[in-house]
């Protein structure tokens, strides 16, 4: 009997099953992140970013400078947000001139209690899945090899 060959075959089979399990388990997350990345790139190509400001704090003229709901109900509504295009917002709110567009968007959406999700990182998600699928079987292999090496030291030498 050759235990090393048998355990190696067992490790190879287990590793294949583990890789398939990791792929099945992480597929939905990785695919969703790639879809989110594609949507973000398409959105950036349009180049239109609307900034929400509570209508009671709105500056400018409704319908021209911003879109929103006119009337007293806008002040009391939980969703009383008036939406500005980036250029109009920059013109009417000069106190934000020192911020980049990305920082401005993050800050305004956070103030509106609607924080924007982090930028999509599909390759990071894929890298994590691949790393798990490779590193765990490699650790198991090295552990098994170390045990086989240690046990080989207890064999009797043939004369």
C-alpha atoms as a PDB file:
ATOM      1  CA  UNK A   1       0.000   0.000   0.000  1.00  0.00           C
ATOM      2  CA  UNK A   2       1.209   3.450  -0.875  1.00  0.00           C
ATOM      3  CA  UNK A   3      -0.367   5.879   1.565  1.00  0.00           C
ATOM      4  CA  UNK A   4       1.259   8.925   0.005  1.00  0.00           C
ATOM      5  CA  UNK A   5      -0.247   8.241  -3.416  1.00  0.00           C
ATOM      6  CA  UNK A   6      -3.649   7.473  -1.898  1.00  0.00           C
ATOM      7  CA  UNK A   7      -3.694  10.605   0.245  1.00  0.00           C
ATOM      8  CA  UNK A   8      -2.510  12.680  -2.719  1.00  0.00           C
ATOM      9  CA  UNK A   9      -5.400  11.397  -4.814  1.00  0.00           C
ATOM     10  CA  UNK A  10      -7.788  12.101  -1.945  1.00  0.00           C
ATOM     11  CA  UNK A  11      -6.365  15.638  -1.672  1.00  0.00           C
ATOM     12  CA  UNK A  12      -6.711  16.181  -5.429  1.00  0.00           C
ATOM     13  CA  UNK A  13     -10.342  15.054  -5.402  1.00  0.00           C
ATOM     14  CA  UNK A  14     -11.119  17.138  -2.308  1.00  0.00           C
ATOM     15  CA  UNK A  15      -9.409  20.172  -3.850  1.00  0.00           C
ATOM     16  CA  UNK A  16     -11.451  19.906  -7.031  1.00  0.00           C
ATOM     17  CA  UNK A  17     -14.655  19.650  -5.028  1.00  0.00           C
ATOM     18  CA  UNK A  18     -13.578  22.608  -2.860  1.00  0.00           C
ATOM     19  CA  UNK A  19     -12.798  24.759  -5.922  1.00  0.00           C
ATOM     20  CA  UNK A  20     -16.181  23.906  -7.431  1.00  0.00           C
ATOM     21  CA  UNK A  21     -17.867  24.758  -4.118  1.00  0.00           C
ATOM     22  CA  UNK A  22     -16.087  28.128  -3.890  1.00  0.00           C
ATOM     23  CA  UNK A  23     -17.036  28.881  -7.500  1.00  0.00           C
ATOM     24  CA  UNK A  24     -20.678  28.001  -6.887  1.00  0.00           C
ATOM     25  CA  UNK A  25     -20.820  29.914  -3.610  1.00  0.00           C
ATOM     26  CA  UNK A  26     -19.142  33.112  -4.846  1.00  0.00           C
ATOM     27  CA  UNK A  27     -20.519  33.224  -8.410  1.00  0.00           C
ATOM     28  CA  UNK A  28     -23.553  35.373  -7.583  1.00  0.00           C
ATOM     29  CA  UNK A  29     -21.516  37.957  -5.653  1.00  0.00           C
ATOM     30  CA  UNK A  30     -18.815  38.215  -8.323  1.00  0.00           C
ATOM     31  CA  UNK A  31     -21.346  38.404 -11.168  1.00  0.00           C
ATOM     32  CA  UNK A  32     -23.363  41.076  -9.347  1.00  0.00           C
ATOM     33  CA  UNK A  33     -20.209  43.141  -8.795  1.00  0.00           C
ATOM     34  CA  UNK A  34     -19.322  42.913 -12.506  1.00  0.00           C
ATOM     35  CA  UNK A  35     -22.862  44.040 -13.405  1.00  0.00           C
ATOM     36  CA  UNK A  36     -22.597  46.928 -10.938  1.00  0.00           C
ATOM     37  CA  UNK A  37     -19.243  47.905 -12.460  1.00  0.00           C
ATOM     38  CA  UNK A  38     -20.717  47.856 -15.965  1.00  0.00           C
ATOM     39  CA  UNK A  39     -23.643  50.015 -14.858  1.00  0.00           C
ATOM     40  CA  UNK A  40     -21.270  52.471 -13.154  1.00  0.00           C
ATOM     41  CA  UNK A  41     -19.149  52.776 -16.300  1.00  0.00           C
ATOM     42  CA  UNK A  42     -22.244  53.358 -18.435  1.00  0.00           C
ATOM     43  CA  UNK A  43     -23.469  55.971 -15.960  1.00  0.00           C
ATOM     44  CA  UNK A  44     -20.082  57.730 -16.093  1.00  0.00           C
ATOM     45  CA  UNK A  45     -20.279  57.838 -19.888  1.00  0.00           C
ATOM     46  CA  UNK A  46     -23.546  59.749 -19.649  1.00  0.00           C
ATOM     47  CA  UNK A  47     -21.808  62.181 -17.336  1.00  0.00           C
ATOM     48  CA  UNK A  48     -24.975  63.397 -15.621  1.00  0.00           C
ATOM     49  CA  UNK A  49     -24.875  63.400 -11.851  1.00  0.00           C
ATOM     50  CA  UNK A  50     -27.796  64.831  -9.936  1.00  0.00           C
ATOM     51  CA  UNK A  51     -27.192  66.155  -6.445  1.00  0.00           C
ATOM     52  CA  UNK A  52     -29.987  66.043  -3.838  1.00  0.00           C
ATOM     53  CA  UNK A  53     -30.613  69.026  -1.573  1.00  0.00           C
ATOM     54  CA  UNK A  54     -33.564  69.358   0.771  1.00  0.00           C
ATOM     55  CA  UNK A  55     -36.061  71.644  -0.929  1.00  0.00           C
ATOM     56  CA  UNK A  56     -36.218  74.016   2.051  1.00  0.00           C
ATOM     57  CA  UNK A  57     -32.478  74.688   1.514  1.00  0.00           C
ATOM     58  CA  UNK A  58     -32.736  74.990  -2.272  1.00  0.00           C
ATOM     59  CA  UNK A  59     -31.219  77.948  -4.071  1.00  0.00           C
ATOM     60  CA  UNK A  60     -32.183  79.192  -7.495  1.00  0.00           C
ATOM     61  CA  UNK A  61     -35.388  78.823  -9.448  1.00  0.00           C
ATOM     62  CA  UNK A  62     -37.389  75.612  -9.509  1.00  0.00           C
ATOM     63  CA  UNK A  63     -37.648  74.087 -12.946  1.00  0.00           C
ATOM     64  CA  UNK A  64     -34.658  76.075 -14.195  1.00  0.00           C
ATOM     65  CA  UNK A  65     -31.859  75.506 -11.705  1.00  0.00           C
ATOM     66  CA  UNK A  66     -33.223  72.375 -10.061  1.00  0.00           C
ATOM     67  CA  UNK A  67     -36.062  69.912 -10.274  1.00  0.00           C
ATOM     68  CA  UNK A  68     -38.155  69.323  -7.223  1.00  0.00           C
ATOM     69  CA  UNK A  69     -41.555  69.533  -5.708  1.00  0.00           C
ATOM     70  CA  UNK A  70     -42.794  73.060  -5.141  1.00  0.00           C
ATOM     71  CA  UNK A  71     -45.068  73.827  -2.240  1.00  0.00           C
ATOM     72  CA  UNK A  72     -45.067  73.751   1.539  1.00  0.00           C
ATOM     73  CA  UNK A  73     -45.214  69.942   1.646  1.00  0.00           C
ATOM     74  CA  UNK A  74     -41.594  69.773   0.424  1.00  0.00           C
ATOM     75  CA  UNK A  75     -40.364  71.063   3.818  1.00  0.00           C
ATOM     76  CA  UNK A  76     -42.135  68.334   5.779  1.00  0.00           C
ATOM     77  CA  UNK A  77     -41.728  65.391   3.468  1.00  0.00           C
ATOM     78  CA  UNK A  78     -39.073  62.820   4.291  1.00  0.00           C
ATOM     79  CA  UNK A  79     -38.188  62.704   0.594  1.00  0.00           C
ATOM     80  CA  UNK A  80     -38.373  66.448  -0.070  1.00  0.00           C
ATOM     81  CA  UNK A  81     -35.264  66.435  -2.210  1.00  0.00           C
ATOM     82  CA  UNK A  82     -34.624  68.893  -4.999  1.00  0.00           C
ATOM     83  CA  UNK A  83     -32.153  67.611  -7.574  1.00  0.00           C
ATOM     84  CA  UNK A  84     -29.421  69.775  -9.102  1.00  0.00           C
ATOM     85  CA  UNK A  85     -27.208  69.104 -12.082  1.00  0.00           C
ATOM     86  CA  UNK A  86     -23.521  69.367 -11.203  1.00  0.00           C
ATOM     87  CA  UNK A  87     -22.951  72.640 -13.074  1.00  0.00           C
ATOM     88  CA  UNK A  88     -25.985  74.336 -11.546  1.00  0.00           C
ATOM     89  CA  UNK A  89     -25.045  73.155  -8.074  1.00  0.00           C
ATOM     90  CA  UNK A  90     -21.485  74.454  -8.460  1.00  0.00           C
ATOM     91  CA  UNK A  91     -22.817  77.849  -9.579  1.00  0.00           C
ATOM     92  CA  UNK A  92     -25.363  78.206  -6.766  1.00  0.00           C
ATOM     93  CA  UNK A  93     -23.299  76.703  -3.925  1.00  0.00           C
ATOM     94  CA  UNK A  94     -19.825  78.289  -4.199  1.00  0.00           C
ATOM     95  CA  UNK A  95     -18.877  77.135  -0.685  1.00  0.00           C
ATOM     96  CA  UNK A  96     -18.159  73.675  -2.151  1.00  0.00           C
ATOM     97  CA  UNK A  97     -15.699  74.962  -4.777  1.00  0.00           C
ATOM     98  CA  UNK A  98     -12.693  73.338  -3.078  1.00  0.00           C
ATOM     99  CA  UNK A  99     -14.116  69.807  -3.378  1.00  0.00           C
ATOM    100  CA  UNK A 100     -13.584  67.527  -6.353  1.00  0.00           C
ATOM    101  CA  UNK A 101     -16.684  66.230  -8.113  1.00  0.00           C
ATOM    102  CA  UNK A 102     -16.372  62.806  -6.459  1.00  0.00           C
ATOM    103  CA  UNK A 103     -15.900  64.291  -2.979  1.00  0.00           C
ATOM    104  CA  UNK A 104     -18.805  66.676  -3.573  1.00  0.00           C
ATOM    105  CA  UNK A 105     -21.113  63.860  -4.636  1.00  0.00           C
ATOM    106  CA  UNK A 106     -20.130  61.762  -1.617  1.00  0.00           C
ATOM    107  CA  UNK A 107     -20.694  64.646   0.803  1.00  0.00           C
ATOM    108  CA  UNK A 108     -24.023  65.829  -0.644  1.00  0.00           C
ATOM    109  CA  UNK A 109     -25.504  62.335  -0.802  1.00  0.00           C
ATOM    110  CA  UNK A 110     -24.323  61.668   2.747  1.00  0.00           C
ATOM    111  CA  UNK A 111     -25.969  64.914   3.926  1.00  0.00           C
ATOM    112  CA  UNK A 112     -29.171  63.775   2.220  1.00  0.00           C
ATOM    113  CA  UNK A 113     -29.029  60.475   4.158  1.00  0.00           C
ATOM    114  CA  UNK A 114     -28.595  58.614   0.881  1.00  0.00           C
ATOM    115  CA  UNK A 115     -24.914  57.597   0.870  1.00  0.00           C
ATOM    116  CA  UNK A 116     -23.603  56.235  -2.388  1.00  0.00           C
ATOM    117  CA  UNK A 117     -22.217  52.730  -2.391  1.00  0.00           C
ATOM    118  CA  UNK A 118     -18.497  52.335  -2.767  1.00  0.00           C
ATOM    119  CA  UNK A 119     -17.151  52.087  -6.265  1.00  0.00           C
ATOM    120  CA  UNK A 120     -17.515  48.596  -7.699  1.00  0.00           C
ATOM    121  CA  UNK A 121     -14.469  46.359  -7.403  1.00  0.00           C
ATOM    122  CA  UNK A 122     -15.256  43.244  -9.437  1.00  0.00           C
ATOM    123  CA  UNK A 123     -11.636  42.134  -9.795  1.00  0.00           C
ATOM    124  CA  UNK A 124     -11.151  42.327  -6.029  1.00  0.00           C
ATOM    125  CA  UNK A 125     -14.152  40.027  -5.480  1.00  0.00           C
ATOM    126  CA  UNK A 126     -12.886  37.631  -8.142  1.00  0.00           C
ATOM    127  CA  UNK A 127      -9.383  37.719  -6.654  1.00  0.00           C
ATOM    128  CA  UNK A 128     -10.722  36.855  -3.209  1.00  0.00           C
ATOM    129  CA  UNK A 129     -12.634  33.879  -4.586  1.00  0.00           C
ATOM    130  CA  UNK A 130      -9.629  32.611  -6.544  1.00  0.00           C
ATOM    131  CA  UNK A 131      -7.320  33.116  -3.566  1.00  0.00           C
ATOM    132  CA  UNK A 132      -9.620  31.098  -1.331  1.00  0.00           C
ATOM    133  CA  UNK A 133      -9.955  28.375  -3.953  1.00  0.00           C
ATOM    134  CA  UNK A 134      -6.158  28.082  -4.267  1.00  0.00           C
ATOM    135  CA  UNK A 135      -4.800  28.880  -0.800  1.00  0.00           C
ATOM    136  CA  UNK A 136      -6.994  26.551   1.275  1.00  0.00           C
ATOM    137  CA  UNK A 137      -6.150  23.397  -0.764  1.00  0.00           C
ATOM    138  CA  UNK A 138      -2.486  24.455  -0.819  1.00  0.00           C
ATOM    139  CA  UNK A 139      -2.436  24.751   2.977  1.00  0.00           C
ATOM    140  CA  UNK A 140      -4.087  21.339   3.303  1.00  0.00           C
ATOM    141  CA  UNK A 141      -1.512  19.893   0.886  1.00  0.00           C
ATOM    142  CA  UNK A 142       1.418  21.394   2.802  1.00  0.00           C
ATOM    143  CA  UNK A 143       0.004  20.191   6.099  1.00  0.00           C
ATOM    144  CA  UNK A 144      -0.396  16.653   4.716  1.00  0.00           C
ATOM    145  CA  UNK A 145       3.090  16.732   3.232  1.00  0.00           C
ATOM    146  CA  UNK A 146       4.537  17.847   6.595  1.00  0.00           C
ATOM    147  CA  UNK A 147       2.767  15.004   8.401  1.00  0.00           C
ATOM    148  CA  UNK A 148       4.015  12.482   5.786  1.00  0.00           C
ATOM    149  CA  UNK A 149       7.561  13.863   6.142  1.00  0.00           C
ATOM    150  CA  UNK A 150       7.393  13.614   9.931  1.00  0.00           C
ATOM    151  CA  UNK A 151       6.031  10.073   9.832  1.00  0.00           C
ATOM    152  CA  UNK A 152       8.725   9.060   7.333  1.00  0.00           C
ATOM    153  CA  UNK A 153      11.305   9.756  10.045  1.00  0.00           C
ATOM    154  CA  UNK A 154       9.915   6.906  12.131  1.00  0.00           C
ATOM    155  CA  UNK A 155      10.494   4.201   9.479  1.00  0.00           C
ATOM    156  CA  UNK A 156      13.157   1.620   9.937  1.00  0.00           C
ATOM    157  CA  UNK A 157      15.986   1.715   7.502  1.00  0.00           C
ATOM    158  CA  UNK A 158      16.361  -1.442   5.514  1.00  0.00           C
ATOM    159  CA  UNK A 159      19.758  -3.053   5.724  1.00  0.00           C
END
